[in-house]
């Protein structure tokens, strides 16, 4: 995370609007910054504004606005920082998340009707993606989840790694050398490293005991003399030769097995082909009557034109006979009339 801008209004001693832009001169090229000023000037309030915008919580346990109604609030409730006499307050920061994108986190609180005497309302939060110009989350719970995802720290981790309360730091500086480790663990929340150190010691102790046990076992096994070692090496060499011979036999047997497999496959294929040929011959014999009918049909089809001509001639003959009968009758009449 990299902080780009802080803006706020009516936060503790910093009343009205204030803005700190880390991208504008002279802060843009300042490198290391120091927040200085007299007591009550608002130095810690700037850090409060960052924590309010990100986590809706305060890193310190007392706020300048802790009077009147705010006395009943929890010590880390961000609403305690509302300036005395103000009806509303805001905290807003721009930052670059661990994904490299620019975001704006906003926090605001107001009293009823915006008056200093009004009832204190619940704080509002929002997270905006500045590059996409859209709201990422709106609401305390959703904003908290999205902030943790984009920064990688919850409030307690952020407070311990980024902010250090003044009282705890003073205690660390004034402590004896033997007490500083405990105080540093308390301030930074790194007590786990002490536990890891003790666990590492115990594990090292167990590992050393295992090494001693192995060394003791090694002492129980004496090395072979020259004669026994030569016999063992001869036995190992004979075993290697036997292994080589066995592997050669295995390769020969494997090749024989492959040839047998190919022969069996060919015989199976030949048997299948013979069966197929037999079935084809039976089918051919069964189709013989059909072939005879087909031959007759083809011969009849060739005489189709001649049959049509014969039918036409027969029809013409019948008609000629009818005309002949009519002519014979007419001739008889003619002869009778003559």
C-alpha atoms as a PDB file:
ATOM      1  CA  UNK A   1       0.000   0.000   0.000  1.00  0.00           C
ATOM      2  CA  UNK A   2       1.157   3.562  -0.765  1.00  0.00           C
ATOM      3  CA  UNK A   3      -0.650   6.600   0.642  1.00  0.00           C
ATOM      4  CA  UNK A   4      -1.454   9.321  -1.938  1.00  0.00           C
ATOM      5  CA  UNK A   5      -3.725  11.828  -0.176  1.00  0.00           C
ATOM      6  CA  UNK A   6      -5.373  12.489   3.192  1.00  0.00           C
ATOM      7  CA  UNK A   7      -8.493  14.636   3.516  1.00  0.00           C
ATOM      8  CA  UNK A   8     -10.650  15.268   6.552  1.00  0.00           C
ATOM      9  CA  UNK A   9     -13.020  17.598   8.289  1.00  0.00           C
ATOM     10  CA  UNK A  10     -13.917  18.157  11.933  1.00  0.00           C
ATOM     11  CA  UNK A  11     -11.629  15.472  13.325  1.00  0.00           C
ATOM     12  CA  UNK A  12     -10.580  16.215  16.943  1.00  0.00           C
ATOM     13  CA  UNK A  13      -8.478  19.405  16.907  1.00  0.00           C
ATOM     14  CA  UNK A  14      -8.421  19.602  13.087  1.00  0.00           C
ATOM     15  CA  UNK A  15     -11.663  21.403  12.500  1.00  0.00           C
ATOM     16  CA  UNK A  16     -12.987  22.491   9.115  1.00  0.00           C
ATOM     17  CA  UNK A  17     -11.511  20.969   5.934  1.00  0.00           C
ATOM     18  CA  UNK A  18      -7.881  19.908   5.598  1.00  0.00           C
ATOM     19  CA  UNK A  19      -5.999  18.079   2.799  1.00  0.00           C
ATOM     20  CA  UNK A  20      -2.505  16.603   2.560  1.00  0.00           C
ATOM     21  CA  UNK A  21      -1.547  15.640  -1.004  1.00  0.00           C
ATOM     22  CA  UNK A  22       1.565  13.463  -1.156  1.00  0.00           C
ATOM     23  CA  UNK A  23       1.634  13.661  -4.976  1.00  0.00           C
ATOM     24  CA  UNK A  24       1.857  17.448  -5.097  1.00  0.00           C
ATOM     25  CA  UNK A  25       4.966  19.561  -4.350  1.00  0.00           C
ATOM     26  CA  UNK A  26       6.728  19.829  -1.998  1.00  0.00           C
ATOM     27  CA  UNK A  27       5.699  16.428  -0.554  1.00  0.00           C
ATOM     28  CA  UNK A  28       5.915  14.647  -3.912  1.00  0.00           C
ATOM     29  CA  UNK A  29       9.735  14.757  -3.799  1.00  0.00           C
ATOM     30  CA  UNK A  30      10.273  14.899  -0.054  1.00  0.00           C
ATOM     31  CA  UNK A  31      11.152  11.233   0.466  1.00  0.00           C
ATOM     32  CA  UNK A  32      11.113  10.982   4.270  1.00  0.00           C
ATOM     33  CA  UNK A  33       8.415  13.002   6.074  1.00  0.00           C
ATOM     34  CA  UNK A  34       8.110  14.052   9.689  1.00  0.00           C
ATOM     35  CA  UNK A  35       4.894  15.153  11.411  1.00  0.00           C
ATOM     36  CA  UNK A  36       5.840  17.754  14.046  1.00  0.00           C
ATOM     37  CA  UNK A  37       4.032  20.316  16.148  1.00  0.00           C
ATOM     38  CA  UNK A  38       3.038  21.163  19.699  1.00  0.00           C
ATOM     39  CA  UNK A  39       0.764  19.022  21.818  1.00  0.00           C
ATOM     40  CA  UNK A  40      -2.808  19.199  20.563  1.00  0.00           C
ATOM     41  CA  UNK A  41      -1.812  20.436  17.084  1.00  0.00           C
ATOM     42  CA  UNK A  42      -3.384  17.368  15.471  1.00  0.00           C
ATOM     43  CA  UNK A  43      -0.386  15.158  14.645  1.00  0.00           C
ATOM     44  CA  UNK A  44      -2.019  11.949  15.836  1.00  0.00           C
ATOM     45  CA  UNK A  45      -5.315  13.024  14.269  1.00  0.00           C
ATOM     46  CA  UNK A  46      -3.753  12.639  10.816  1.00  0.00           C
ATOM     47  CA  UNK A  47      -3.054   9.010  11.648  1.00  0.00           C
ATOM     48  CA  UNK A  48      -6.557   8.744  13.082  1.00  0.00           C
ATOM     49  CA  UNK A  49      -7.933   9.927   9.726  1.00  0.00           C
ATOM     50  CA  UNK A  50      -6.040   7.173   7.907  1.00  0.00           C
ATOM     51  CA  UNK A  51      -7.314   4.486  10.289  1.00  0.00           C
ATOM     52  CA  UNK A  52     -10.879   5.821  10.171  1.00  0.00           C
ATOM     53  CA  UNK A  53     -10.953   5.821   6.367  1.00  0.00           C
ATOM     54  CA  UNK A  54      -9.496   2.325   6.173  1.00  0.00           C
ATOM     55  CA  UNK A  55     -10.876   0.522   9.238  1.00  0.00           C
ATOM     56  CA  UNK A  56     -13.468   2.722  11.010  1.00  0.00           C
ATOM     57  CA  UNK A  57     -11.359   2.453  14.174  1.00  0.00           C
ATOM     58  CA  UNK A  58      -8.860   4.516  16.184  1.00  0.00           C
ATOM     59  CA  UNK A  59      -5.323   3.378  17.021  1.00  0.00           C
ATOM     60  CA  UNK A  60      -5.337   5.320  20.305  1.00  0.00           C
ATOM     61  CA  UNK A  61      -7.715   4.767  23.171  1.00  0.00           C
ATOM     62  CA  UNK A  62      -8.695   8.399  23.854  1.00  0.00           C
ATOM     63  CA  UNK A  63     -10.048  10.993  21.443  1.00  0.00           C
ATOM     64  CA  UNK A  64     -10.323  14.736  21.660  1.00  0.00           C
ATOM     65  CA  UNK A  65     -14.062  14.463  21.105  1.00  0.00           C
ATOM     66  CA  UNK A  66     -14.621  12.122  24.068  1.00  0.00           C
ATOM     67  CA  UNK A  67     -17.127  14.262  25.871  1.00  0.00           C
ATOM     68  CA  UNK A  68     -20.873  14.374  26.295  1.00  0.00           C
ATOM     69  CA  UNK A  69     -22.610  11.639  24.318  1.00  0.00           C
ATOM     70  CA  UNK A  70     -19.349  10.072  23.057  1.00  0.00           C
ATOM     71  CA  UNK A  71     -18.409   8.963  26.574  1.00  0.00           C
ATOM     72  CA  UNK A  72     -20.644   5.902  26.096  1.00  0.00           C
ATOM     73  CA  UNK A  73     -18.797   4.773  22.959  1.00  0.00           C
ATOM     74  CA  UNK A  74     -16.139   2.063  22.868  1.00  0.00           C
ATOM     75  CA  UNK A  75     -12.573   3.326  23.237  1.00  0.00           C
ATOM     76  CA  UNK A  76     -11.700   2.470  19.622  1.00  0.00           C
ATOM     77  CA  UNK A  77     -14.998   3.747  18.155  1.00  0.00           C
ATOM     78  CA  UNK A  78     -14.100   6.182  15.388  1.00  0.00           C
ATOM     79  CA  UNK A  79     -17.018   8.480  16.231  1.00  0.00           C
ATOM     80  CA  UNK A  80     -15.186   9.612  19.359  1.00  0.00           C
ATOM     81  CA  UNK A  81     -12.914  11.743  17.158  1.00  0.00           C
ATOM     82  CA  UNK A  82     -15.750  14.064  16.098  1.00  0.00           C
ATOM     83  CA  UNK A  83     -14.729  17.633  16.934  1.00  0.00           C
ATOM     84  CA  UNK A  84     -16.544  19.262  19.837  1.00  0.00           C
ATOM     85  CA  UNK A  85     -19.424  21.379  18.598  1.00  0.00           C
ATOM     86  CA  UNK A  86     -19.404  19.866  15.092  1.00  0.00           C
ATOM     87  CA  UNK A  87     -22.443  18.248  13.517  1.00  0.00           C
ATOM     88  CA  UNK A  88     -20.542  16.029  11.098  1.00  0.00           C
ATOM     89  CA  UNK A  89     -17.052  14.753  10.304  1.00  0.00           C
ATOM     90  CA  UNK A  90     -15.253  13.092   7.386  1.00  0.00           C
ATOM     91  CA  UNK A  91     -12.030  11.183   6.745  1.00  0.00           C
ATOM     92  CA  UNK A  92     -10.912  10.201   3.264  1.00  0.00           C
ATOM     93  CA  UNK A  93      -7.680   8.823   1.800  1.00  0.00           C
ATOM     94  CA  UNK A  94      -6.444   7.901  -1.668  1.00  0.00           C
ATOM     95  CA  UNK A  95      -4.032   4.975  -1.846  1.00  0.00           C
ATOM     96  CA  UNK A  96      -2.515   2.395  -4.156  1.00  0.00           C
ATOM     97  CA  UNK A  97      -3.431  -1.179  -3.209  1.00  0.00           C
ATOM     98  CA  UNK A  98      -1.214  -4.183  -3.474  1.00  0.00           C
ATOM     99  CA  UNK A  99      -2.816  -4.895  -6.885  1.00  0.00           C
ATOM    100  CA  UNK A 100      -1.334  -1.602  -8.193  1.00  0.00           C
ATOM    101  CA  UNK A 101      -4.708   0.150  -8.620  1.00  0.00           C
ATOM    102  CA  UNK A 102      -5.730   3.513  -7.118  1.00  0.00           C
ATOM    103  CA  UNK A 103      -8.542   3.523  -4.563  1.00  0.00           C
ATOM    104  CA  UNK A 104     -10.361   6.046  -2.364  1.00  0.00           C
ATOM    105  CA  UNK A 105     -11.584   4.997   1.075  1.00  0.00           C
ATOM    106  CA  UNK A 106     -14.101   7.283   2.773  1.00  0.00           C
ATOM    107  CA  UNK A 107     -15.556   7.473   6.284  1.00  0.00           C
ATOM    108  CA  UNK A 108     -18.164   9.911   7.552  1.00  0.00           C
ATOM    109  CA  UNK A 109     -20.374  10.443  10.579  1.00  0.00           C
ATOM    110  CA  UNK A 110     -23.014  13.041  11.417  1.00  0.00           C
ATOM    111  CA  UNK A 111     -25.420  13.995  14.109  1.00  0.00           C
ATOM    112  CA  UNK A 112     -29.155  14.149  13.547  1.00  0.00           C
ATOM    113  CA  UNK A 113     -30.070  17.100  11.305  1.00  0.00           C
ATOM    114  CA  UNK A 114     -26.351  17.975  11.149  1.00  0.00           C
ATOM    115  CA  UNK A 115     -26.566  19.878  14.450  1.00  0.00           C
ATOM    116  CA  UNK A 116     -24.063  19.624  17.299  1.00  0.00           C
ATOM    117  CA  UNK A 117     -26.894  18.772  19.711  1.00  0.00           C
ATOM    118  CA  UNK A 118     -28.332  16.034  17.483  1.00  0.00           C
ATOM    119  CA  UNK A 119     -28.122  12.325  18.183  1.00  0.00           C
ATOM    120  CA  UNK A 120     -24.933  10.732  16.912  1.00  0.00           C
ATOM    121  CA  UNK A 121     -25.636   8.529  13.883  1.00  0.00           C
ATOM    122  CA  UNK A 122     -23.860   5.382  12.663  1.00  0.00           C
ATOM    123  CA  UNK A 123     -20.714   5.927  10.620  1.00  0.00           C
ATOM    124  CA  UNK A 124     -20.806   5.372   6.847  1.00  0.00           C
ATOM    125  CA  UNK A 125     -18.038   3.865   4.743  1.00  0.00           C
ATOM    126  CA  UNK A 126     -17.336   3.574   1.026  1.00  0.00           C
ATOM    127  CA  UNK A 127     -14.513   2.247  -1.176  1.00  0.00           C
ATOM    128  CA  UNK A 128     -14.104   3.588  -4.739  1.00  0.00           C
ATOM    129  CA  UNK A 129     -11.913   2.336  -7.579  1.00  0.00           C
ATOM    130  CA  UNK A 130     -10.564   5.619  -8.955  1.00  0.00           C
ATOM    131  CA  UNK A 131      -9.263   4.114 -12.195  1.00  0.00           C
ATOM    132  CA  UNK A 132     -12.618   2.530 -13.059  1.00  0.00           C
ATOM    133  CA  UNK A 133     -14.565   5.388 -11.399  1.00  0.00           C
ATOM    134  CA  UNK A 134     -16.949   2.998  -9.689  1.00  0.00           C
ATOM    135  CA  UNK A 135     -17.914   2.023  -6.152  1.00  0.00           C
ATOM    136  CA  UNK A 136     -16.265  -1.222  -5.057  1.00  0.00           C
ATOM    137  CA  UNK A 137     -18.130  -1.558  -1.756  1.00  0.00           C
ATOM    138  CA  UNK A 138     -20.620   0.449   0.292  1.00  0.00           C
ATOM    139  CA  UNK A 139     -21.309  -0.368   3.928  1.00  0.00           C
ATOM    140  CA  UNK A 140     -19.135  -1.119   6.963  1.00  0.00           C
ATOM    141  CA  UNK A 141     -18.889  -4.877   6.554  1.00  0.00           C
ATOM    142  CA  UNK A 142     -18.345  -4.997   2.779  1.00  0.00           C
ATOM    143  CA  UNK A 143     -15.840  -2.143   2.831  1.00  0.00           C
ATOM    144  CA  UNK A 144     -13.904  -3.854   5.642  1.00  0.00           C
ATOM    145  CA  UNK A 145     -13.622  -7.060   3.595  1.00  0.00           C
ATOM    146  CA  UNK A 146     -12.518  -5.243   0.427  1.00  0.00           C
ATOM    147  CA  UNK A 147      -9.996  -3.058   2.295  1.00  0.00           C
ATOM    148  CA  UNK A 148      -8.362  -6.116   3.888  1.00  0.00           C
ATOM    149  CA  UNK A 149      -8.157  -7.787   0.457  1.00  0.00           C
ATOM    150  CA  UNK A 150      -6.562  -4.768  -1.238  1.00  0.00           C
ATOM    151  CA  UNK A 151      -4.134  -3.884   1.576  1.00  0.00           C
ATOM    152  CA  UNK A 152      -3.449  -7.359   2.941  1.00  0.00           C
ATOM    153  CA  UNK A 153      -3.696  -6.265   6.606  1.00  0.00           C
ATOM    154  CA  UNK A 154      -6.512  -6.163   9.122  1.00  0.00           C
ATOM    155  CA  UNK A 155      -6.719  -3.271  11.597  1.00  0.00           C
ATOM    156  CA  UNK A 156      -4.611  -4.925  14.299  1.00  0.00           C
ATOM    157  CA  UNK A 157      -1.888  -5.868  11.792  1.00  0.00           C
ATOM    158  CA  UNK A 158      -1.967  -2.387  10.279  1.00  0.00           C
ATOM    159  CA  UNK A 159      -1.719  -0.731  13.692  1.00  0.00           C
ATOM    160  CA  UNK A 160       1.232  -2.882  14.720  1.00  0.00           C
ATOM    161  CA  UNK A 161       3.167  -2.678  11.469  1.00  0.00           C
ATOM    162  CA  UNK A 162       2.468   0.958  10.480  1.00  0.00           C
ATOM    163  CA  UNK A 163       1.492   2.845  13.643  1.00  0.00           C
ATOM    164  CA  UNK A 164       3.106   2.766  17.078  1.00  0.00           C
ATOM    165  CA  UNK A 165       1.311   4.343  20.003  1.00  0.00           C
ATOM    166  CA  UNK A 166       3.434   7.010  21.719  1.00  0.00           C
ATOM    167  CA  UNK A 167       3.001   5.565  25.200  1.00  0.00           C
ATOM    168  CA  UNK A 168       4.122   2.099  24.149  1.00  0.00           C
ATOM    169  CA  UNK A 169       7.168   3.512  22.358  1.00  0.00           C
ATOM    170  CA  UNK A 170       8.171   5.490  25.446  1.00  0.00           C
ATOM    171  CA  UNK A 171       7.893   2.317  27.527  1.00  0.00           C
ATOM    172  CA  UNK A 172      10.155   0.537  25.056  1.00  0.00           C
ATOM    173  CA  UNK A 173      12.816   3.278  25.192  1.00  0.00           C
ATOM    174  CA  UNK A 174      12.805   3.454  29.008  1.00  0.00           C
ATOM    175  CA  UNK A 175      12.803  -0.314  29.620  1.00  0.00           C
ATOM    176  CA  UNK A 176      15.815  -2.318  30.775  1.00  0.00           C
ATOM    177  CA  UNK A 177      17.625  -4.394  28.167  1.00  0.00           C
ATOM    178  CA  UNK A 178      16.184  -7.607  29.598  1.00  0.00           C
ATOM    179  CA  UNK A 179      12.613  -6.219  29.358  1.00  0.00           C
ATOM    180  CA  UNK A 180      12.831  -4.722  25.851  1.00  0.00           C
ATOM    181  CA  UNK A 181      12.315  -8.053  24.095  1.00  0.00           C
ATOM    182  CA  UNK A 182       9.048  -8.641  25.970  1.00  0.00           C
ATOM    183  CA  UNK A 183       7.899  -5.059  25.320  1.00  0.00           C
ATOM    184  CA  UNK A 184       8.833  -5.298  21.637  1.00  0.00           C
ATOM    185  CA  UNK A 185       6.828  -8.487  21.316  1.00  0.00           C
ATOM    186  CA  UNK A 186       3.871  -6.809  23.011  1.00  0.00           C
ATOM    187  CA  UNK A 187       4.069  -3.709  20.800  1.00  0.00           C
ATOM    188  CA  UNK A 188       4.589  -5.495  17.501  1.00  0.00           C
ATOM    189  CA  UNK A 189       2.623  -8.637  18.222  1.00  0.00           C
ATOM    190  CA  UNK A 190       5.623 -10.832  17.422  1.00  0.00           C
ATOM    191  CA  UNK A 191       5.334 -13.157  20.409  1.00  0.00           C
ATOM    192  CA  UNK A 192       5.083 -15.988  17.915  1.00  0.00           C
ATOM    193  CA  UNK A 193       8.818 -15.659  17.232  1.00  0.00           C
ATOM    194  CA  UNK A 194       9.613 -16.526  20.838  1.00  0.00           C
ATOM    195  CA  UNK A 195       7.444 -19.627  20.536  1.00  0.00           C
ATOM    196  CA  UNK A 196       9.125 -20.491  17.240  1.00  0.00           C
ATOM    197  CA  UNK A 197      12.536 -20.129  18.886  1.00  0.00           C
ATOM    198  CA  UNK A 198      11.583 -22.505  21.682  1.00  0.00           C
ATOM    199  CA  UNK A 199      10.078 -24.965  19.193  1.00  0.00           C
ATOM    200  CA  UNK A 200      13.258 -24.800  17.092  1.00  0.00           C
ATOM    201  CA  UNK A 201      15.351 -25.511  20.196  1.00  0.00           C
ATOM    202  CA  UNK A 202      13.247 -28.536  21.091  1.00  0.00           C
ATOM    203  CA  UNK A 203      13.380 -29.814  17.523  1.00  0.00           C
ATOM    204  CA  UNK A 204      17.156 -29.347  17.394  1.00  0.00           C
ATOM    205  CA  UNK A 205      17.477 -31.230  20.675  1.00  0.00           C
ATOM    206  CA  UNK A 206      15.421 -34.137  19.301  1.00  0.00           C
ATOM    207  CA  UNK A 207      17.437 -34.153  16.064  1.00  0.00           C
ATOM    208  CA  UNK A 208      20.716 -34.224  18.019  1.00  0.00           C
ATOM    209  CA  UNK A 209      19.452 -37.181  20.033  1.00  0.00           C
ATOM    210  CA  UNK A 210      18.575 -38.989  16.792  1.00  0.00           C
ATOM    211  CA  UNK A 211      22.073 -38.283  15.434  1.00  0.00           C
ATOM    212  CA  UNK A 212      23.623 -39.722  18.598  1.00  0.00           C
ATOM    213  CA  UNK A 213      21.462 -42.834  18.263  1.00  0.00           C
ATOM    214  CA  UNK A 214      22.524 -43.336  14.627  1.00  0.00           C
ATOM    215  CA  UNK A 215      26.173 -42.868  15.542  1.00  0.00           C
ATOM    216  CA  UNK A 216      25.789 -45.496  18.251  1.00  0.00           C
ATOM    217  CA  UNK A 217      24.311 -47.915  15.722  1.00  0.00           C
ATOM    218  CA  UNK A 218      27.156 -47.227  13.307  1.00  0.00           C
ATOM    219  CA  UNK A 219      29.647 -48.059  16.055  1.00  0.00           C
ATOM    220  CA  UNK A 220      28.055 -51.486  16.423  1.00  0.00           C
ATOM    221  CA  UNK A 221      28.896 -52.394  12.795  1.00  0.00           C
ATOM    222  CA  UNK A 222      32.626 -52.964  12.270  1.00  0.00           C
ATOM    223  CA  UNK A 223      34.081 -52.676   8.734  1.00  0.00           C
ATOM    224  CA  UNK A 224      35.011 -55.908   6.883  1.00  0.00           C
ATOM    225  CA  UNK A 225      38.602 -57.117   6.655  1.00  0.00           C
ATOM    226  CA  UNK A 226      40.337 -57.375   3.253  1.00  0.00           C
ATOM    227  CA  UNK A 227      39.484 -61.049   2.712  1.00  0.00           C
ATOM    228  CA  UNK A 228      35.795 -60.708   3.608  1.00  0.00           C
ATOM    229  CA  UNK A 229      35.533 -57.516   1.554  1.00  0.00           C
ATOM    230  CA  UNK A 230      37.110 -59.263  -1.488  1.00  0.00           C
ATOM    231  CA  UNK A 231      34.641 -62.157  -1.118  1.00  0.00           C
ATOM    232  CA  UNK A 232      31.718 -59.730  -0.860  1.00  0.00           C
ATOM    233  CA  UNK A 233      32.887 -57.837  -3.954  1.00  0.00           C
ATOM    234  CA  UNK A 234      33.291 -61.151  -5.854  1.00  0.00           C
ATOM    235  CA  UNK A 235      29.772 -62.162  -4.840  1.00  0.00           C
ATOM    236  CA  UNK A 236      28.436 -58.754  -5.952  1.00  0.00           C
ATOM    237  CA  UNK A 237      30.237 -59.073  -9.305  1.00  0.00           C
ATOM    238  CA  UNK A 238      28.809 -62.563  -9.818  1.00  0.00           C
ATOM    239  CA  UNK A 239      25.351 -61.227  -9.022  1.00  0.00           C
ATOM    240  CA  UNK A 240      25.810 -58.429 -11.555  1.00  0.00           C
ATOM    241  CA  UNK A 241      26.867 -60.965 -14.224  1.00  0.00           C
ATOM    242  CA  UNK A 242      23.885 -63.168 -13.413  1.00  0.00           C
ATOM    243  CA  UNK A 243      21.620 -60.143 -13.642  1.00  0.00           C
ATOM    244  CA  UNK A 244      23.028 -59.229 -17.059  1.00  0.00           C
ATOM    245  CA  UNK A 245      22.525 -62.821 -18.301  1.00  0.00           C
ATOM    246  CA  UNK A 246      18.969 -62.889 -16.949  1.00  0.00           C
ATOM    247  CA  UNK A 247      18.174 -59.596 -18.666  1.00  0.00           C
ATOM    248  CA  UNK A 248      19.536 -60.948 -21.987  1.00  0.00           C
ATOM    249  CA  UNK A 249      17.362 -64.056 -21.628  1.00  0.00           C
ATOM    250  CA  UNK A 250      14.424 -61.894 -20.767  1.00  0.00           C
ATOM    251  CA  UNK A 251      14.911 -59.878 -23.970  1.00  0.00           C
ATOM    252  CA  UNK A 252      15.106 -63.081 -26.078  1.00  0.00           C
ATOM    253  CA  UNK A 253      11.972 -64.439 -24.422  1.00  0.00           C
ATOM    254  CA  UNK A 254      10.185 -61.137 -24.962  1.00  0.00           C
ATOM    255  CA  UNK A 255      11.056 -61.201 -28.702  1.00  0.00           C
ATOM    256  CA  UNK A 256       9.819 -64.807 -28.966  1.00  0.00           C
ATOM    257  CA  UNK A 257       6.613 -63.834 -27.233  1.00  0.00           C
ATOM    258  CA  UNK A 258       6.109 -60.936 -29.656  1.00  0.00           C
ATOM    259  CA  UNK A 259       6.537 -63.304 -32.652  1.00  0.00           C
ATOM    260  CA  UNK A 260       4.068 -65.788 -31.163  1.00  0.00           C
ATOM    261  CA  UNK A 261       1.576 -62.996 -30.591  1.00  0.00           C
ATOM    262  CA  UNK A 262       1.928 -61.840 -34.219  1.00  0.00           C
ATOM    263  CA  UNK A 263       1.492 -65.440 -35.495  1.00  0.00           C
ATOM    264  CA  UNK A 264      -1.624 -65.965 -33.382  1.00  0.00           C
ATOM    265  CA  UNK A 265      -3.034 -62.671 -34.634  1.00  0.00           C
ATOM    266  CA  UNK A 266      -2.402 -63.682 -38.285  1.00  0.00           C
ATOM    267  CA  UNK A 267      -3.991 -67.101 -37.771  1.00  0.00           C
ATOM    268  CA  UNK A 268      -7.031 -65.500 -36.211  1.00  0.00           C
ATOM    269  CA  UNK A 269      -7.270 -63.102 -39.166  1.00  0.00           C
ATOM    270  CA  UNK A 270      -6.970 -66.024 -41.642  1.00  0.00           C
ATOM    271  CA  UNK A 271      -9.721 -67.962 -39.862  1.00  0.00           C
ATOM    272  CA  UNK A 272     -11.968 -64.916 -39.906  1.00  0.00           C
ATOM    273  CA  UNK A 273     -11.301 -64.425 -43.646  1.00  0.00           C
ATOM    274  CA  UNK A 274     -12.148 -68.094 -44.391  1.00  0.00           C
ATOM    275  CA  UNK A 275     -15.412 -67.769 -42.501  1.00  0.00           C
ATOM    276  CA  UNK A 276     -16.243 -64.594 -44.412  1.00  0.00           C
ATOM    277  CA  UNK A 277     -15.464 -66.323 -47.765  1.00  0.00           C
ATOM    278  CA  UNK A 278     -17.681 -69.279 -46.857  1.00  0.00           C
ATOM    279  CA  UNK A 279     -20.539 -66.965 -45.956  1.00  0.00           C
ATOM    280  CA  UNK A 280     -20.084 -65.057 -49.211  1.00  0.00           C
ATOM    281  CA  UNK A 281     -20.252 -68.259 -51.281  1.00  0.00           C
ATOM    282  CA  UNK A 282     -23.433 -69.365 -49.514  1.00  0.00           C
ATOM    283  CA  UNK A 283     -24.971 -65.988 -50.165  1.00  0.00           C
ATOM    284  CA  UNK A 284     -23.935 -66.217 -53.828  1.00  0.00           C
ATOM    285  CA  UNK A 285     -25.569 -69.657 -54.189  1.00  0.00           C
ATOM    286  CA  UNK A 286     -28.745 -68.411 -52.515  1.00  0.00           C
ATOM    287  CA  UNK A 287     -28.921 -65.516 -54.977  1.00  0.00           C
ATOM    288  CA  UNK A 288     -28.808 -67.804 -58.093  1.00  0.00           C
ATOM    289  CA  UNK A 289     -32.658 -67.924 -58.654  1.00  0.00           C
ATOM    290  CA  UNK A 290     -32.753 -64.154 -58.367  1.00  0.00           C
ATOM    291  CA  UNK A 291     -30.055 -63.848 -60.989  1.00  0.00           C
ATOM    292  CA  UNK A 292     -32.053 -66.152 -63.369  1.00  0.00           C
ATOM    293  CA  UNK A 293     -35.166 -64.024 -62.947  1.00  0.00           C
ATOM    294  CA  UNK A 294     -33.099 -60.928 -63.549  1.00  0.00           C
ATOM    295  CA  UNK A 295     -31.724 -62.416 -66.771  1.00  0.00           C
ATOM    296  CA  UNK A 296     -35.232 -63.256 -68.020  1.00  0.00           C
ATOM    297  CA  UNK A 297     -36.480 -59.813 -67.110  1.00  0.00           C
ATOM    298  CA  UNK A 298     -33.603 -58.220 -68.983  1.00  0.00           C
ATOM    299  CA  UNK A 299     -34.365 -60.399 -72.105  1.00  0.00           C
ATOM    300  CA  UNK A 300     -38.064 -59.481 -71.933  1.00  0.00           C
ATOM    301  CA  UNK A 301     -37.134 -55.839 -71.597  1.00  0.00           C
ATOM    302  CA  UNK A 302     -35.123 -56.086 -74.842  1.00  0.00           C
ATOM    303  CA  UNK A 303     -38.295 -57.409 -76.732  1.00  0.00           C
ATOM    304  CA  UNK A 304     -40.509 -54.697 -75.328  1.00  0.00           C
ATOM    305  CA  UNK A 305     -40.401 -52.588 -78.518  1.00  0.00           C
ATOM    306  CA  UNK A 306     -41.276 -55.560 -80.755  1.00  0.00           C
ATOM    307  CA  UNK A 307     -44.206 -56.498 -78.476  1.00  0.00           C
ATOM    308  CA  UNK A 308     -45.527 -52.960 -78.679  1.00  0.00           C
ATOM    309  CA  UNK A 309     -45.314 -53.073 -82.504  1.00  0.00           C
ATOM    310  CA  UNK A 310     -47.167 -56.446 -82.565  1.00  0.00           C
ATOM    311  CA  UNK A 311     -49.931 -55.006 -80.349  1.00  0.00           C
ATOM    312  CA  UNK A 312     -50.249 -52.026 -82.691  1.00  0.00           C
ATOM    313  CA  UNK A 313     -50.427 -54.314 -85.765  1.00  0.00           C
ATOM    314  CA  UNK A 314     -53.069 -56.528 -84.144  1.00  0.00           C
ATOM    315  CA  UNK A 315     -55.162 -53.451 -83.388  1.00  0.00           C
ATOM    316  CA  UNK A 316     -54.771 -52.247 -87.004  1.00  0.00           C
ATOM    317  CA  UNK A 317     -55.773 -55.680 -88.315  1.00  0.00           C
ATOM    318  CA  UNK A 318     -58.976 -55.659 -86.269  1.00  0.00           C
ATOM    319  CA  UNK A 319     -59.877 -52.211 -87.583  1.00  0.00           C
ATOM    320  CA  UNK A 320     -59.141 -53.300 -91.195  1.00  0.00           C
ATOM    321  CA  UNK A 321     -61.414 -56.326 -90.781  1.00  0.00           C
ATOM    322  CA  UNK A 322     -64.199 -54.059 -89.527  1.00  0.00           C
ATOM    323  CA  UNK A 323     -63.792 -51.821 -92.601  1.00  0.00           C
ATOM    324  CA  UNK A 324     -63.707 -54.939 -94.849  1.00  0.00           C
ATOM    325  CA  UNK A 325     -67.001 -56.228 -93.353  1.00  0.00           C
ATOM    326  CA  UNK A 326     -68.612 -52.840 -93.893  1.00  0.00           C
ATOM    327  CA  UNK A 327     -67.350 -52.720 -97.494  1.00  0.00           C
ATOM    328  CA  UNK A 328     -68.588 -56.275 -98.193  1.00  0.00           C
ATOM    329  CA  UNK A 329     -72.068 -55.344 -96.931  1.00  0.00           C
ATOM    330  CA  UNK A 330     -72.059 -52.188 -99.051  1.00  0.00           C
ATOM    331  CA  UNK A 331     -70.983 -54.242-102.094  1.00  0.00           C
ATOM    332  CA  UNK A 332     -73.811 -56.707-101.580  1.00  0.00           C
ATOM    333  CA  UNK A 333     -76.317 -53.902-101.453  1.00  0.00           C
ATOM    334  CA  UNK A 334     -74.858 -52.298-104.492  1.00  0.00           C
ATOM    335  CA  UNK A 335     -75.033 -55.544-106.401  1.00  0.00           C
ATOM    336  CA  UNK A 336     -78.626 -56.094-105.268  1.00  0.00           C
ATOM    337  CA  UNK A 337     -79.556 -52.587-106.374  1.00  0.00           C
ATOM    338  CA  UNK A 338     -77.849 -53.201-109.728  1.00  0.00           C
END
